[in-house]
Amino acid sequence: MRIFVYEHLSASRAAGPAAASLLTEGWAMLAALLEDFVRVPGAQVETMLGGAAAGKTPPPGVAVHHADAEDEDATFRRLAAGADWTLIAAPEIDGVLPERIQLVEESHGRLLGPTAAAARLAGDKLRLAERLRDCAVPTPPTALWPVEAPSYPAVCKPRHGAGSQETHLVRDSDELRAVAETVGGFGDDLIVQPYIAGQAASVALLIGPGRRLALPAAAQHLSTDGRFRYLGGRLPLLPDLAERATRLGARAVDAVEGLRGYIGVDMVLGAAADGDGDCVIEINPRLTASYVGLRALARFNLAEAMLAVAAGQAPTAWNWDVGLVEFMPNGRVIRESS
C-alpha cells in the first residue's frame, strides 16, 4: 500500500512572511504522520520536501521527493496518481488546501481527506458561518468588512486564514477601523464577529463511509494579547466539557457534505453546564496540531485508525492512556500523571 503524505509548507521552495510562522507547526505534523504511517504493516510512505524544510530529516523508511519550481505540480500529480491514499495538510490561506485536493481529484487519486468542495466551504469562514446557522449549529454572527460590529469587544480576522494569522480583538469602532486598514494588505477579505468568552476547545473526528469517530477533546491555549495566537493544548478535557465538545463537533461536521479523514472543529464552551452558549468558531478540513497530542495519548497507531475509518472499517484498537498530555505547536509533548 502506497501512502503519499503532503504538507504544503514543508514541500514549498520557500515560506513567505505569513507561511514562515506556520512552518514549524506544519513540520511537526508531517514528522508525526510519517512516523505513524511507516509503522502501518505493508505501507510504502512517500512525501515531498522543498527548500523551506532545508535541514529537516524525515523518519527512516520514508521516500522523499524533491521537485524544482518547474515540475513541482507534475511531481505532486504523479505521486498522488500512484498512491493508494493521499493525505494533504495545507493552510486555507490563498486557497492552497482546496487547490491541492483538486489536483488529487484530477489525477484520479484517492484522498485521505475531504473533497475540494468541502474544503472550500469549511475554509471560507463567512460561508461556513452561514451554513452552520442554516443548520441550527451555534456559531457567532459573522459579517464581511466594512460593517459595524454587532457588539464589542469583537474579533476581526481574514475570511480565509489559518493559525490565527492577523486575528485581532477590537474594543470599539475606532480600533476596528484601524485594524482593518492595517490588515487590509493581507490579501484577503476581512470578517467581523462578536467576541465569545469561554473555554477555547477543539475536537478532532475521523470520518469515513458510514463512520464518524470523535477523538478526545482538547483545551486550547491561546495568547492573551488580543491576537489569539495558538500556543498548543491540553487533553483530555474534563468529562462534562468533553461531552459537550464532542456533541457540538459532530453537529458541525454533519453540516458540511464531503468532509472525510481527520477533521478538526474549534469552538468556545460557555459557562452554562447544559451547553447553552457553546458555539463553533471554525472547522479545519485537514489535520491539526492536536494530532501530536492525541497520538501520544493513543495506545494504538492513530494513522492506522485513520486509514481504517477512511475505508469504512472499524479501527482494530481504540484505547487511550489515562493521564494528561500538554502539546505545543512545535511538536513538543509533555505527559502528566492523572
C-alpha atoms as a PDB file:
ATOM      1  CA  MET A   1       0.000   0.000   0.000  1.00  0.00           C
ATOM      2  CA  ARG A   2       1.489   3.318  -1.115  1.00  0.00           C
ATOM      3  CA  ILE A   3       0.710   6.372   1.008  1.00  0.00           C
ATOM      4  CA  PHE A   4       1.588   9.888  -0.151  1.00  0.00           C
ATOM      5  CA  VAL A   5       1.717  12.408   2.698  1.00  0.00           C
ATOM      6  CA  TYR A   6       1.980  16.040   1.620  1.00  0.00           C
ATOM      7  CA  GLU A   7       2.464  19.017   3.936  1.00  0.00           C
ATOM      8  CA  HIS A   8       2.409  22.154   1.839  1.00  0.00           C
ATOM      9  CA  LEU A   9       4.772  24.383   3.803  1.00  0.00           C
ATOM     10  CA  SER A  10       7.414  21.664   4.164  1.00  0.00           C
ATOM     11  CA  ALA A  11       7.146  20.922   0.438  1.00  0.00           C
ATOM     12  CA  SER A  12       7.415  24.570  -0.605  1.00  0.00           C
ATOM     13  CA  ARG A  13      10.553  26.058  -2.081  1.00  0.00           C
ATOM     14  CA  ALA A  14      10.374  28.973   0.363  1.00  0.00           C
ATOM     15  CA  ALA A  15       7.989  30.180   3.047  1.00  0.00           C
ATOM     16  CA  GLY A  16       6.689  33.730   2.775  1.00  0.00           C
ATOM     17  CA  PRO A  17       6.266  36.030   5.799  1.00  0.00           C
ATOM     18  CA  ALA A  18       2.842  34.617   6.695  1.00  0.00           C
ATOM     19  CA  ALA A  19       3.689  30.987   5.964  1.00  0.00           C
ATOM     20  CA  ALA A  20       7.028  31.054   7.805  1.00  0.00           C
ATOM     21  CA  SER A  21       5.309  31.220  11.192  1.00  0.00           C
ATOM     22  CA  LEU A  22       3.306  28.100  10.313  1.00  0.00           C
ATOM     23  CA  LEU A  23       6.238  26.053   9.016  1.00  0.00           C
ATOM     24  CA  THR A  24       7.280  24.765  12.445  1.00  0.00           C
ATOM     25  CA  GLU A  25       3.753  23.551  13.149  1.00  0.00           C
ATOM     26  CA  GLY A  26       3.494  22.020   9.675  1.00  0.00           C
ATOM     27  CA  TRP A  27       6.743  20.117  10.036  1.00  0.00           C
ATOM     28  CA  ALA A  28       5.714  18.798  13.483  1.00  0.00           C
ATOM     29  CA  MET A  29       2.520  17.383  11.990  1.00  0.00           C
ATOM     30  CA  LEU A  30       4.313  15.951   8.959  1.00  0.00           C
ATOM     31  CA  ALA A  31       7.019  14.253  11.015  1.00  0.00           C
ATOM     32  CA  ALA A  32       4.412  12.684  13.315  1.00  0.00           C
ATOM     33  CA  LEU A  33       2.319  11.474  10.381  1.00  0.00           C
ATOM     34  CA  LEU A  34       5.273   9.970   8.552  1.00  0.00           C
ATOM     35  CA  GLU A  35       6.455   8.164  11.678  1.00  0.00           C
ATOM     36  CA  ASP A  36       2.990   6.668  12.223  1.00  0.00           C
ATOM     37  CA  PHE A  37       2.326   5.692   8.606  1.00  0.00           C
ATOM     38  CA  VAL A  38       5.711   3.961   8.328  1.00  0.00           C
ATOM     39  CA  ARG A  39       4.588   1.693  11.169  1.00  0.00           C
ATOM     40  CA  VAL A  40       1.487   0.560   9.260  1.00  0.00           C
ATOM     41  CA  PRO A  41       2.115  -3.030   8.049  1.00  0.00           C
ATOM     42  CA  GLY A  42       2.824  -3.140   4.323  1.00  0.00           C
ATOM     43  CA  ALA A  43       2.894   0.648   3.899  1.00  0.00           C
ATOM     44  CA  GLN A  44       5.273   2.395   1.491  1.00  0.00           C
ATOM     45  CA  VAL A  45       5.310   6.046   2.538  1.00  0.00           C
ATOM     46  CA  GLU A  46       6.287   8.961   0.293  1.00  0.00           C
ATOM     47  CA  THR A  47       6.465  12.707   0.808  1.00  0.00           C
ATOM     48  CA  MET A  48       7.749  15.896  -0.830  1.00  0.00           C
ATOM     49  CA  LEU A  49      10.229  18.313   0.738  1.00  0.00           C
ATOM     50  CA  GLY A  50      11.289  21.716  -0.517  1.00  0.00           C
ATOM     51  CA  GLY A  51      13.727  24.445   0.368  1.00  0.00           C
ATOM     52  CA  ALA A  52      11.575  25.715   3.226  1.00  0.00           C
ATOM     53  CA  ALA A  53      12.274  22.444   5.076  1.00  0.00           C
ATOM     54  CA  ALA A  54      16.020  22.515   4.478  1.00  0.00           C
ATOM     55  CA  GLY A  55      17.819  20.669   7.248  1.00  0.00           C
ATOM     56  CA  LYS A  56      14.754  18.662   8.268  1.00  0.00           C
ATOM     57  CA  THR A  57      15.143  14.892   8.312  1.00  0.00           C
ATOM     58  CA  PRO A  58      12.090  12.638   7.866  1.00  0.00           C
ATOM     59  CA  PRO A  59      11.819   9.345   9.755  1.00  0.00           C
ATOM     60  CA  PRO A  60      13.681   6.316   8.321  1.00  0.00           C
ATOM     61  CA  GLY A  61      11.789   4.376   5.687  1.00  0.00           C
ATOM     62  CA  VAL A  62      10.163   7.398   4.010  1.00  0.00           C
ATOM     63  CA  ALA A  63      10.799   8.002   0.298  1.00  0.00           C
ATOM     64  CA  VAL A  64      11.474  11.723  -0.143  1.00  0.00           C
ATOM     65  CA  HIS A  65      10.900  13.507  -3.462  1.00  0.00           C
ATOM     66  CA  HIS A  66      12.382  16.909  -4.268  1.00  0.00           C
ATOM     67  CA  ALA A  67      10.938  18.970  -7.115  1.00  0.00           C
ATOM     68  CA  ASP A  68      12.122  22.108  -8.864  1.00  0.00           C
ATOM     69  CA  ALA A  69       9.789  25.032  -9.436  1.00  0.00           C
ATOM     70  CA  GLU A  70       9.098  23.880 -12.983  1.00  0.00           C
ATOM     71  CA  ASP A  71       7.958  20.357 -12.102  1.00  0.00           C
ATOM     72  CA  GLU A  72       6.540  20.692  -8.582  1.00  0.00           C
ATOM     73  CA  ASP A  73       2.923  20.209  -9.673  1.00  0.00           C
ATOM     74  CA  ALA A  74       3.878  17.407 -12.063  1.00  0.00           C
ATOM     75  CA  THR A  75       5.651  15.557  -9.242  1.00  0.00           C
ATOM     76  CA  PHE A  76       2.678  16.075  -6.964  1.00  0.00           C
ATOM     77  CA  ARG A  77       0.253  14.738  -9.574  1.00  0.00           C
ATOM     78  CA  ARG A  78       2.435  11.707 -10.278  1.00  0.00           C
ATOM     79  CA  LEU A  79       2.730  10.767  -6.610  1.00  0.00           C
ATOM     80  CA  ALA A  80      -0.998  11.290  -5.974  1.00  0.00           C
ATOM     81  CA  ALA A  81      -1.972   9.240  -9.022  1.00  0.00           C
ATOM     82  CA  GLY A  82       0.276   6.353  -7.984  1.00  0.00           C
ATOM     83  CA  ALA A  83      -0.692   6.247  -4.315  1.00  0.00           C
ATOM     84  CA  ASP A  84      -3.423   4.173  -2.726  1.00  0.00           C
ATOM     85  CA  TRP A  85      -4.061   7.096  -0.359  1.00  0.00           C
ATOM     86  CA  THR A  86      -3.041  10.755  -0.427  1.00  0.00           C
ATOM     87  CA  LEU A  87      -3.206  12.871   2.722  1.00  0.00           C
ATOM     88  CA  ILE A  88      -2.839  16.639   2.360  1.00  0.00           C
ATOM     89  CA  ALA A  89      -2.026  19.048   5.166  1.00  0.00           C
ATOM     90  CA  ALA A  90      -2.103  22.639   3.968  1.00  0.00           C
ATOM     91  CA  PRO A  91      -3.363  26.006   5.213  1.00  0.00           C
ATOM     92  CA  GLU A  92      -6.526  27.577   3.890  1.00  0.00           C
ATOM     93  CA  ILE A  93      -4.573  30.754   3.036  1.00  0.00           C
ATOM     94  CA  ASP A  94      -4.703  31.658  -0.677  1.00  0.00           C
ATOM     95  CA  GLY A  95      -6.891  28.619  -1.383  1.00  0.00           C
ATOM     96  CA  VAL A  96      -3.908  26.255  -1.172  1.00  0.00           C
ATOM     97  CA  LEU A  97      -5.765  23.385   0.515  1.00  0.00           C
ATOM     98  CA  PRO A  98      -8.695  23.035  -1.942  1.00  0.00           C
ATOM     99  CA  GLU A  99      -6.376  23.588  -4.894  1.00  0.00           C
ATOM    100  CA  ARG A 100      -4.122  20.710  -3.827  1.00  0.00           C
ATOM    101  CA  ILE A 101      -7.128  18.493  -3.167  1.00  0.00           C
ATOM    102  CA  GLN A 102      -8.455  19.302  -6.627  1.00  0.00           C
ATOM    103  CA  LEU A 103      -5.129  18.243  -8.147  1.00  0.00           C
ATOM    104  CA  VAL A 104      -5.555  14.835  -6.494  1.00  0.00           C
ATOM    105  CA  GLU A 105      -9.116  14.571  -7.796  1.00  0.00           C
ATOM    106  CA  GLU A 106      -7.998  15.494 -11.308  1.00  0.00           C
ATOM    107  CA  SER A 107      -5.208  12.901 -11.075  1.00  0.00           C
ATOM    108  CA  HIS A 108      -7.776  10.246 -10.106  1.00  0.00           C
ATOM    109  CA  GLY A 109      -6.035   9.776  -6.772  1.00  0.00           C
ATOM    110  CA  ARG A 110      -7.693   8.526  -3.598  1.00  0.00           C
ATOM    111  CA  LEU A 111      -7.963  11.168  -0.898  1.00  0.00           C
ATOM    112  CA  LEU A 112      -7.499  10.529   2.794  1.00  0.00           C
ATOM    113  CA  GLY A 113      -9.356  13.740   3.410  1.00  0.00           C
ATOM    114  CA  PRO A 114     -12.271  15.918   2.279  1.00  0.00           C
ATOM    115  CA  THR A 115     -13.422  16.800  -1.206  1.00  0.00           C
ATOM    116  CA  ALA A 116     -12.265  20.084  -2.717  1.00  0.00           C
ATOM    117  CA  ALA A 117     -15.808  21.458  -2.414  1.00  0.00           C
ATOM    118  CA  ALA A 118     -15.963  20.638   1.299  1.00  0.00           C
ATOM    119  CA  ALA A 119     -12.540  22.188   1.897  1.00  0.00           C
ATOM    120  CA  ARG A 120     -13.581  25.378   0.088  1.00  0.00           C
ATOM    121  CA  LEU A 121     -16.731  25.713   2.172  1.00  0.00           C
ATOM    122  CA  ALA A 122     -15.079  24.938   5.505  1.00  0.00           C
ATOM    123  CA  GLY A 123     -12.133  27.207   4.704  1.00  0.00           C
ATOM    124  CA  ASP A 124     -14.381  30.170   3.919  1.00  0.00           C
ATOM    125  CA  LYS A 125     -15.285  31.499   7.366  1.00  0.00           C
ATOM    126  CA  LEU A 126     -18.130  33.652   6.044  1.00  0.00           C
ATOM    127  CA  ARG A 127     -19.813  30.887   4.025  1.00  0.00           C
ATOM    128  CA  LEU A 128     -19.222  28.367   6.789  1.00  0.00           C
ATOM    129  CA  ALA A 129     -20.920  30.594   9.354  1.00  0.00           C
ATOM    130  CA  GLU A 130     -23.913  30.913   7.042  1.00  0.00           C
ATOM    131  CA  ARG A 131     -24.080  27.132   6.552  1.00  0.00           C
ATOM    132  CA  LEU A 132     -23.796  26.421  10.269  1.00  0.00           C
ATOM    133  CA  ARG A 133     -26.541  28.890  11.113  1.00  0.00           C
ATOM    134  CA  ASP A 134     -28.775  27.417   8.380  1.00  0.00           C
ATOM    135  CA  CYS A 135     -28.265  24.011  10.041  1.00  0.00           C
ATOM    136  CA  ALA A 136     -29.020  25.420  13.523  1.00  0.00           C
ATOM    137  CA  VAL A 137     -25.423  24.899  14.687  1.00  0.00           C
ATOM    138  CA  PRO A 138     -24.497  27.709  17.108  1.00  0.00           C
ATOM    139  CA  THR A 139     -21.758  29.993  15.756  1.00  0.00           C
ATOM    140  CA  PRO A 140     -21.026  33.718  16.158  1.00  0.00           C
ATOM    141  CA  PRO A 141     -22.799  36.148  13.800  1.00  0.00           C
ATOM    142  CA  THR A 142     -20.307  36.829  11.011  1.00  0.00           C
ATOM    143  CA  ALA A 143     -20.229  39.772   8.606  1.00  0.00           C
ATOM    144  CA  LEU A 144     -17.906  40.976   5.873  1.00  0.00           C
ATOM    145  CA  TRP A 145     -15.963  44.192   6.478  1.00  0.00           C
ATOM    146  CA  PRO A 146     -16.759  47.082   6.152  1.00  0.00           C
ATOM    147  CA  VAL A 147     -19.502  46.672   8.707  1.00  0.00           C
ATOM    148  CA  GLU A 148     -20.096  47.831  12.241  1.00  0.00           C
ATOM    149  CA  ALA A 149     -19.621  45.049  14.781  1.00  0.00           C
ATOM    150  CA  PRO A 150     -22.900  43.899  16.360  1.00  0.00           C
ATOM    151  CA  SER A 151     -21.288  44.304  19.783  1.00  0.00           C
ATOM    152  CA  TYR A 152     -17.925  44.972  21.383  1.00  0.00           C
ATOM    153  CA  PRO A 153     -15.436  43.558  22.079  1.00  0.00           C
ATOM    154  CA  ALA A 154     -15.296  41.966  18.629  1.00  0.00           C
ATOM    155  CA  VAL A 155     -12.878  39.883  16.575  1.00  0.00           C
ATOM    156  CA  CYS A 156     -11.571  40.903  13.148  1.00  0.00           C
ATOM    157  CA  LYS A 157      -9.746  38.308  11.022  1.00  0.00           C
ATOM    158  CA  PRO A 158      -9.217  37.157   7.409  1.00  0.00           C
ATOM    159  CA  ARG A 159     -12.084  35.392   5.710  1.00  0.00           C
ATOM    160  CA  HIS A 160      -9.671  32.622   4.651  1.00  0.00           C
ATOM    161  CA  GLY A 161      -6.972  32.066   7.217  1.00  0.00           C
ATOM    162  CA  ALA A 162      -5.094  29.597   9.396  1.00  0.00           C
ATOM    163  CA  GLY A 163      -3.057  29.677  12.573  1.00  0.00           C
ATOM    164  CA  SER A 164      -4.743  32.844  13.882  1.00  0.00           C
ATOM    165  CA  GLN A 165      -2.958  34.871  11.191  1.00  0.00           C
ATOM    166  CA  GLU A 166      -3.921  38.556  11.502  1.00  0.00           C
ATOM    167  CA  THR A 167      -6.634  37.860  14.084  1.00  0.00           C
ATOM    168  CA  HIS A 168      -7.349  40.861  16.316  1.00  0.00           C
ATOM    169  CA  LEU A 169      -9.522  41.668  19.322  1.00  0.00           C
ATOM    170  CA  VAL A 170     -11.054  45.141  18.941  1.00  0.00           C
ATOM    171  CA  ARG A 171     -12.869  47.073  21.655  1.00  0.00           C
ATOM    172  CA  ASP A 172     -14.637  49.786  19.693  1.00  0.00           C
ATOM    173  CA  SER A 173     -15.313  51.045  16.182  1.00  0.00           C
ATOM    174  CA  ASP A 174     -12.115  53.105  16.068  1.00  0.00           C
ATOM    175  CA  GLU A 175      -9.967  50.050  16.852  1.00  0.00           C
ATOM    176  CA  LEU A 176     -11.880  48.013  14.292  1.00  0.00           C
ATOM    177  CA  ARG A 177     -11.290  50.604  11.594  1.00  0.00           C
ATOM    178  CA  ALA A 178      -7.585  50.886  12.442  1.00  0.00           C
ATOM    179  CA  VAL A 179      -7.070  47.121  12.381  1.00  0.00           C
ATOM    180  CA  ALA A 180      -8.983  46.764   9.113  1.00  0.00           C
ATOM    181  CA  GLU A 181      -6.809  49.424   7.475  1.00  0.00           C
ATOM    182  CA  THR A 182      -3.620  47.751   8.756  1.00  0.00           C
ATOM    183  CA  VAL A 183      -4.638  44.203   7.847  1.00  0.00           C
ATOM    184  CA  GLY A 184      -6.024  45.267   4.505  1.00  0.00           C
ATOM    185  CA  GLY A 185      -2.715  44.391   2.876  1.00  0.00           C
ATOM    186  CA  PHE A 186      -3.021  40.766   3.961  1.00  0.00           C
ATOM    187  CA  GLY A 187      -4.634  39.987   0.624  1.00  0.00           C
ATOM    188  CA  ASP A 188      -7.975  38.667   1.818  1.00  0.00           C
ATOM    189  CA  ASP A 189     -11.421  39.884   2.773  1.00  0.00           C
ATOM    190  CA  LEU A 190     -11.914  40.531   6.480  1.00  0.00           C
ATOM    191  CA  ILE A 191     -14.756  39.320   8.638  1.00  0.00           C
ATOM    192  CA  VAL A 192     -16.055  40.663  11.930  1.00  0.00           C
ATOM    193  CA  GLN A 193     -17.575  38.611  14.747  1.00  0.00           C
ATOM    194  CA  PRO A 194     -18.565  39.383  18.327  1.00  0.00           C
ATOM    195  CA  TYR A 195     -16.052  38.100  20.863  1.00  0.00           C
ATOM    196  CA  ILE A 196     -17.297  34.961  22.615  1.00  0.00           C
ATOM    197  CA  ALA A 197     -15.994  34.392  26.142  1.00  0.00           C
ATOM    198  CA  GLY A 198     -15.403  30.889  27.468  1.00  0.00           C
ATOM    199  CA  GLN A 199     -13.108  27.884  27.258  1.00  0.00           C
ATOM    200  CA  ALA A 200     -11.398  27.595  23.867  1.00  0.00           C
ATOM    201  CA  ALA A 201     -11.521  23.942  22.883  1.00  0.00           C
ATOM    202  CA  SER A 202     -11.231  21.630  19.915  1.00  0.00           C
ATOM    203  CA  VAL A 203     -12.308  18.165  18.934  1.00  0.00           C
ATOM    204  CA  ALA A 204     -10.996  16.072  16.061  1.00  0.00           C
ATOM    205  CA  LEU A 205     -13.103  13.499  14.261  1.00  0.00           C
ATOM    206  CA  LEU A 206     -12.200  10.644  11.934  1.00  0.00           C
ATOM    207  CA  ILE A 207     -14.784  10.450   9.161  1.00  0.00           C
ATOM    208  CA  GLY A 208     -15.299   7.773   6.534  1.00  0.00           C
ATOM    209  CA  PRO A 209     -18.122   5.966   4.711  1.00  0.00           C
ATOM    210  CA  GLY A 210     -20.783   5.288   7.320  1.00  0.00           C
ATOM    211  CA  ARG A 211     -18.432   6.094  10.212  1.00  0.00           C
ATOM    212  CA  ARG A 212     -17.641   9.103  12.359  1.00  0.00           C
ATOM    213  CA  LEU A 213     -15.431   8.692  15.427  1.00  0.00           C
ATOM    214  CA  ALA A 214     -14.634  11.523  17.819  1.00  0.00           C
ATOM    215  CA  LEU A 215     -11.199  11.653  19.399  1.00  0.00           C
ATOM    216  CA  PRO A 216     -10.646  13.018  22.928  1.00  0.00           C
ATOM    217  CA  ALA A 217     -11.439  16.726  23.067  1.00  0.00           C
ATOM    218  CA  ALA A 218      -8.713  19.206  23.994  1.00  0.00           C
ATOM    219  CA  ALA A 219      -8.465  22.578  25.691  1.00  0.00           C
ATOM    220  CA  GLN A 220      -6.751  25.169  23.507  1.00  0.00           C
ATOM    221  CA  HIS A 221      -4.089  27.540  24.812  1.00  0.00           C
ATOM    222  CA  LEU A 222      -4.358  30.936  23.104  1.00  0.00           C
ATOM    223  CA  SER A 223      -2.319  34.071  23.680  1.00  0.00           C
ATOM    224  CA  THR A 224      -3.920  36.734  25.873  1.00  0.00           C
ATOM    225  CA  ASP A 225      -2.535  39.712  23.929  1.00  0.00           C
ATOM    226  CA  GLY A 226      -5.643  40.147  21.802  1.00  0.00           C
ATOM    227  CA  ARG A 227      -4.162  38.200  18.878  1.00  0.00           C
ATOM    228  CA  PHE A 228      -5.396  34.681  19.820  1.00  0.00           C
ATOM    229  CA  ARG A 229      -2.112  33.063  18.771  1.00  0.00           C
ATOM    230  CA  TYR A 230      -2.272  29.292  19.039  1.00  0.00           C
ATOM    231  CA  LEU A 231       0.093  28.063  21.773  1.00  0.00           C
ATOM    232  CA  GLY A 232      -0.892  24.401  21.897  1.00  0.00           C
ATOM    233  CA  GLY A 233      -3.343  22.491  24.023  1.00  0.00           C
ATOM    234  CA  ARG A 234      -4.074  20.077  26.815  1.00  0.00           C
ATOM    235  CA  LEU A 235      -6.109  16.887  26.657  1.00  0.00           C
ATOM    236  CA  PRO A 236      -8.377  15.309  27.510  1.00  0.00           C
ATOM    237  CA  LEU A 237     -10.973  17.807  28.667  1.00  0.00           C
ATOM    238  CA  LEU A 238     -12.948  17.131  31.826  1.00  0.00           C
ATOM    239  CA  PRO A 239     -15.748  14.636  31.064  1.00  0.00           C
ATOM    240  CA  ASP A 240     -18.636  17.117  31.127  1.00  0.00           C
ATOM    241  CA  LEU A 241     -16.847  19.587  28.855  1.00  0.00           C
ATOM    242  CA  ALA A 242     -15.648  16.780  26.590  1.00  0.00           C
ATOM    243  CA  GLU A 243     -19.190  15.508  26.125  1.00  0.00           C
ATOM    244  CA  ARG A 244     -20.380  18.957  25.119  1.00  0.00           C
ATOM    245  CA  ALA A 245     -17.437  19.466  22.743  1.00  0.00           C
ATOM    246  CA  THR A 246     -17.953  16.092  21.095  1.00  0.00           C
ATOM    247  CA  ARG A 247     -21.668  16.669  20.618  1.00  0.00           C
ATOM    248  CA  LEU A 248     -21.127  20.120  19.122  1.00  0.00           C
ATOM    249  CA  GLY A 249     -18.289  18.931  16.885  1.00  0.00           C
ATOM    250  CA  ALA A 250     -20.467  16.183  15.432  1.00  0.00           C
ATOM    251  CA  ARG A 251     -23.224  18.672  14.633  1.00  0.00           C
ATOM    252  CA  ALA A 252     -20.700  20.932  12.917  1.00  0.00           C
ATOM    253  CA  VAL A 253     -19.187  18.316  10.594  1.00  0.00           C
ATOM    254  CA  ASP A 254     -22.646  16.983   9.730  1.00  0.00           C
ATOM    255  CA  ALA A 255     -23.457  20.429   8.321  1.00  0.00           C
ATOM    256  CA  VAL A 256     -20.755  20.188   5.622  1.00  0.00           C
ATOM    257  CA  GLU A 257     -21.094  17.479   2.998  1.00  0.00           C
ATOM    258  CA  GLY A 258     -17.891  15.833   1.805  1.00  0.00           C
ATOM    259  CA  LEU A 259     -15.780  16.029   4.962  1.00  0.00           C
ATOM    260  CA  ARG A 260     -13.582  12.939   5.248  1.00  0.00           C
ATOM    261  CA  GLY A 261     -10.434  11.868   7.059  1.00  0.00           C
ATOM    262  CA  TYR A 262      -9.138  13.820  10.053  1.00  0.00           C
ATOM    263  CA  ILE A 263     -11.249  16.944  10.650  1.00  0.00           C
ATOM    264  CA  GLY A 264     -10.804  19.449  13.471  1.00  0.00           C
ATOM    265  CA  VAL A 265     -13.500  21.664  14.972  1.00  0.00           C
ATOM    266  CA  ASP A 266     -12.571  24.738  17.036  1.00  0.00           C
ATOM    267  CA  MET A 267     -15.136  26.027  19.492  1.00  0.00           C
ATOM    268  CA  VAL A 268     -15.795  28.017  22.641  1.00  0.00           C
ATOM    269  CA  LEU A 269     -17.543  26.330  25.559  1.00  0.00           C
ATOM    270  CA  GLY A 270     -19.576  28.728  27.695  1.00  0.00           C
ATOM    271  CA  ALA A 271     -20.273  28.825  31.415  1.00  0.00           C
ATOM    272  CA  ALA A 272     -23.673  27.082  31.266  1.00  0.00           C
ATOM    273  CA  ALA A 273     -23.452  23.433  32.298  1.00  0.00           C
ATOM    274  CA  ASP A 274     -26.116  22.473  29.748  1.00  0.00           C
ATOM    275  CA  GLY A 275     -24.036  23.812  26.875  1.00  0.00           C
ATOM    276  CA  ASP A 276     -26.217  26.842  26.237  1.00  0.00           C
ATOM    277  CA  GLY A 277     -23.790  29.409  24.862  1.00  0.00           C
ATOM    278  CA  ASP A 278     -21.358  26.898  23.355  1.00  0.00           C
ATOM    279  CA  CYS A 279     -20.523  27.781  19.760  1.00  0.00           C
ATOM    280  CA  VAL A 280     -18.415  26.621  16.832  1.00  0.00           C
ATOM    281  CA  ILE A 281     -15.706  29.040  15.725  1.00  0.00           C
ATOM    282  CA  GLU A 282     -14.453  27.181  12.661  1.00  0.00           C
ATOM    283  CA  ILE A 283     -13.936  23.811  11.008  1.00  0.00           C
ATOM    284  CA  ASN A 284     -10.431  22.801   9.929  1.00  0.00           C
ATOM    285  CA  PRO A 285     -10.867  20.466   6.918  1.00  0.00           C
ATOM    286  CA  ARG A 286      -7.406  18.985   7.451  1.00  0.00           C
ATOM    287  CA  LEU A 287      -5.006  17.651  10.037  1.00  0.00           C
ATOM    288  CA  THR A 288      -4.447  19.970  13.007  1.00  0.00           C
ATOM    289  CA  ALA A 289      -1.698  20.355  15.600  1.00  0.00           C
ATOM    290  CA  SER A 290      -3.778  18.349  18.074  1.00  0.00           C
ATOM    291  CA  TYR A 291      -2.613  15.220  16.236  1.00  0.00           C
ATOM    292  CA  VAL A 292       0.740  15.304  18.037  1.00  0.00           C
ATOM    293  CA  GLY A 293      -1.001  15.295  21.415  1.00  0.00           C
ATOM    294  CA  LEU A 294      -3.594  12.700  20.505  1.00  0.00           C
ATOM    295  CA  ARG A 295      -1.039  10.224  19.167  1.00  0.00           C
ATOM    296  CA  ALA A 296       0.808  10.483  22.497  1.00  0.00           C
ATOM    297  CA  LEU A 297      -2.382   9.554  24.349  1.00  0.00           C
ATOM    298  CA  ALA A 298      -3.384   6.734  21.998  1.00  0.00           C
ATOM    299  CA  ARG A 299      -2.424   3.135  22.786  1.00  0.00           C
ATOM    300  CA  PHE A 300      -2.702   2.362  19.081  1.00  0.00           C
ATOM    301  CA  ASN A 301      -1.448   3.775  15.798  1.00  0.00           C
ATOM    302  CA  LEU A 302      -3.678   6.752  15.089  1.00  0.00           C
ATOM    303  CA  ALA A 303      -2.664   6.847  11.415  1.00  0.00           C
ATOM    304  CA  GLU A 304      -3.682   3.210  11.012  1.00  0.00           C
ATOM    305  CA  ALA A 305      -7.054   4.004  12.600  1.00  0.00           C
ATOM    306  CA  MET A 306      -7.453   6.889  10.144  1.00  0.00           C
ATOM    307  CA  LEU A 307      -6.908   4.520   7.239  1.00  0.00           C
ATOM    308  CA  ALA A 308      -9.435   2.040   8.599  1.00  0.00           C
ATOM    309  CA  VAL A 309     -12.160   4.655   9.037  1.00  0.00           C
ATOM    310  CA  ALA A 310     -11.475   6.118   5.587  1.00  0.00           C
ATOM    311  CA  ALA A 311     -12.040   2.641   4.138  1.00  0.00           C
ATOM    312  CA  GLY A 312     -15.341   2.323   6.018  1.00  0.00           C
ATOM    313  CA  GLN A 313     -13.955  -0.096   8.614  1.00  0.00           C
ATOM    314  CA  ALA A 314     -13.746  -0.011  12.395  1.00  0.00           C
ATOM    315  CA  PRO A 315     -10.260   0.537  13.863  1.00  0.00           C
ATOM    316  CA  THR A 316      -8.727  -2.613  15.300  1.00  0.00           C
ATOM    317  CA  ALA A 317      -7.972  -0.732  18.543  1.00  0.00           C
ATOM    318  CA  TRP A 318      -9.381   2.348  20.233  1.00  0.00           C
ATOM    319  CA  ASN A 319      -7.787   2.530  23.679  1.00  0.00           C
ATOM    320  CA  TRP A 320      -6.478   5.673  25.341  1.00  0.00           C
ATOM    321  CA  ASP A 321      -3.973   6.165  28.165  1.00  0.00           C
ATOM    322  CA  VAL A 322      -5.090   7.549  31.479  1.00  0.00           C
ATOM    323  CA  GLY A 323      -3.398  10.849  32.197  1.00  0.00           C
ATOM    324  CA  LEU A 324      -2.961  14.306  30.741  1.00  0.00           C
ATOM    325  CA  VAL A 325      -0.977  15.491  27.746  1.00  0.00           C
ATOM    326  CA  GLU A 326       0.243  19.017  27.005  1.00  0.00           C
ATOM    327  CA  PHE A 327       1.294  19.650  23.411  1.00  0.00           C
ATOM    328  CA  MET A 328       2.896  22.599  21.646  1.00  0.00           C
ATOM    329  CA  PRO A 329       2.752  23.753  18.005  1.00  0.00           C
ATOM    330  CA  ASN A 330       6.409  22.735  17.550  1.00  0.00           C
ATOM    331  CA  GLY A 331       5.515  19.102  18.297  1.00  0.00           C
ATOM    332  CA  ARG A 332       6.790  19.012  21.873  1.00  0.00           C
ATOM    333  CA  VAL A 333       4.644  16.835  24.143  1.00  0.00           C
ATOM    334  CA  ILE A 334       4.615  16.736  27.942  1.00  0.00           C
ATOM    335  CA  ARG A 335       2.883  13.813  29.646  1.00  0.00           C
ATOM    336  CA  GLU A 336       1.448  14.247  33.130  1.00  0.00           C
ATOM    337  CA  SER A 337       0.077  11.680  35.538  1.00  0.00           C
ATOM    338  CA  SER A 338      -3.627  11.971  36.261  1.00  0.00           C
END
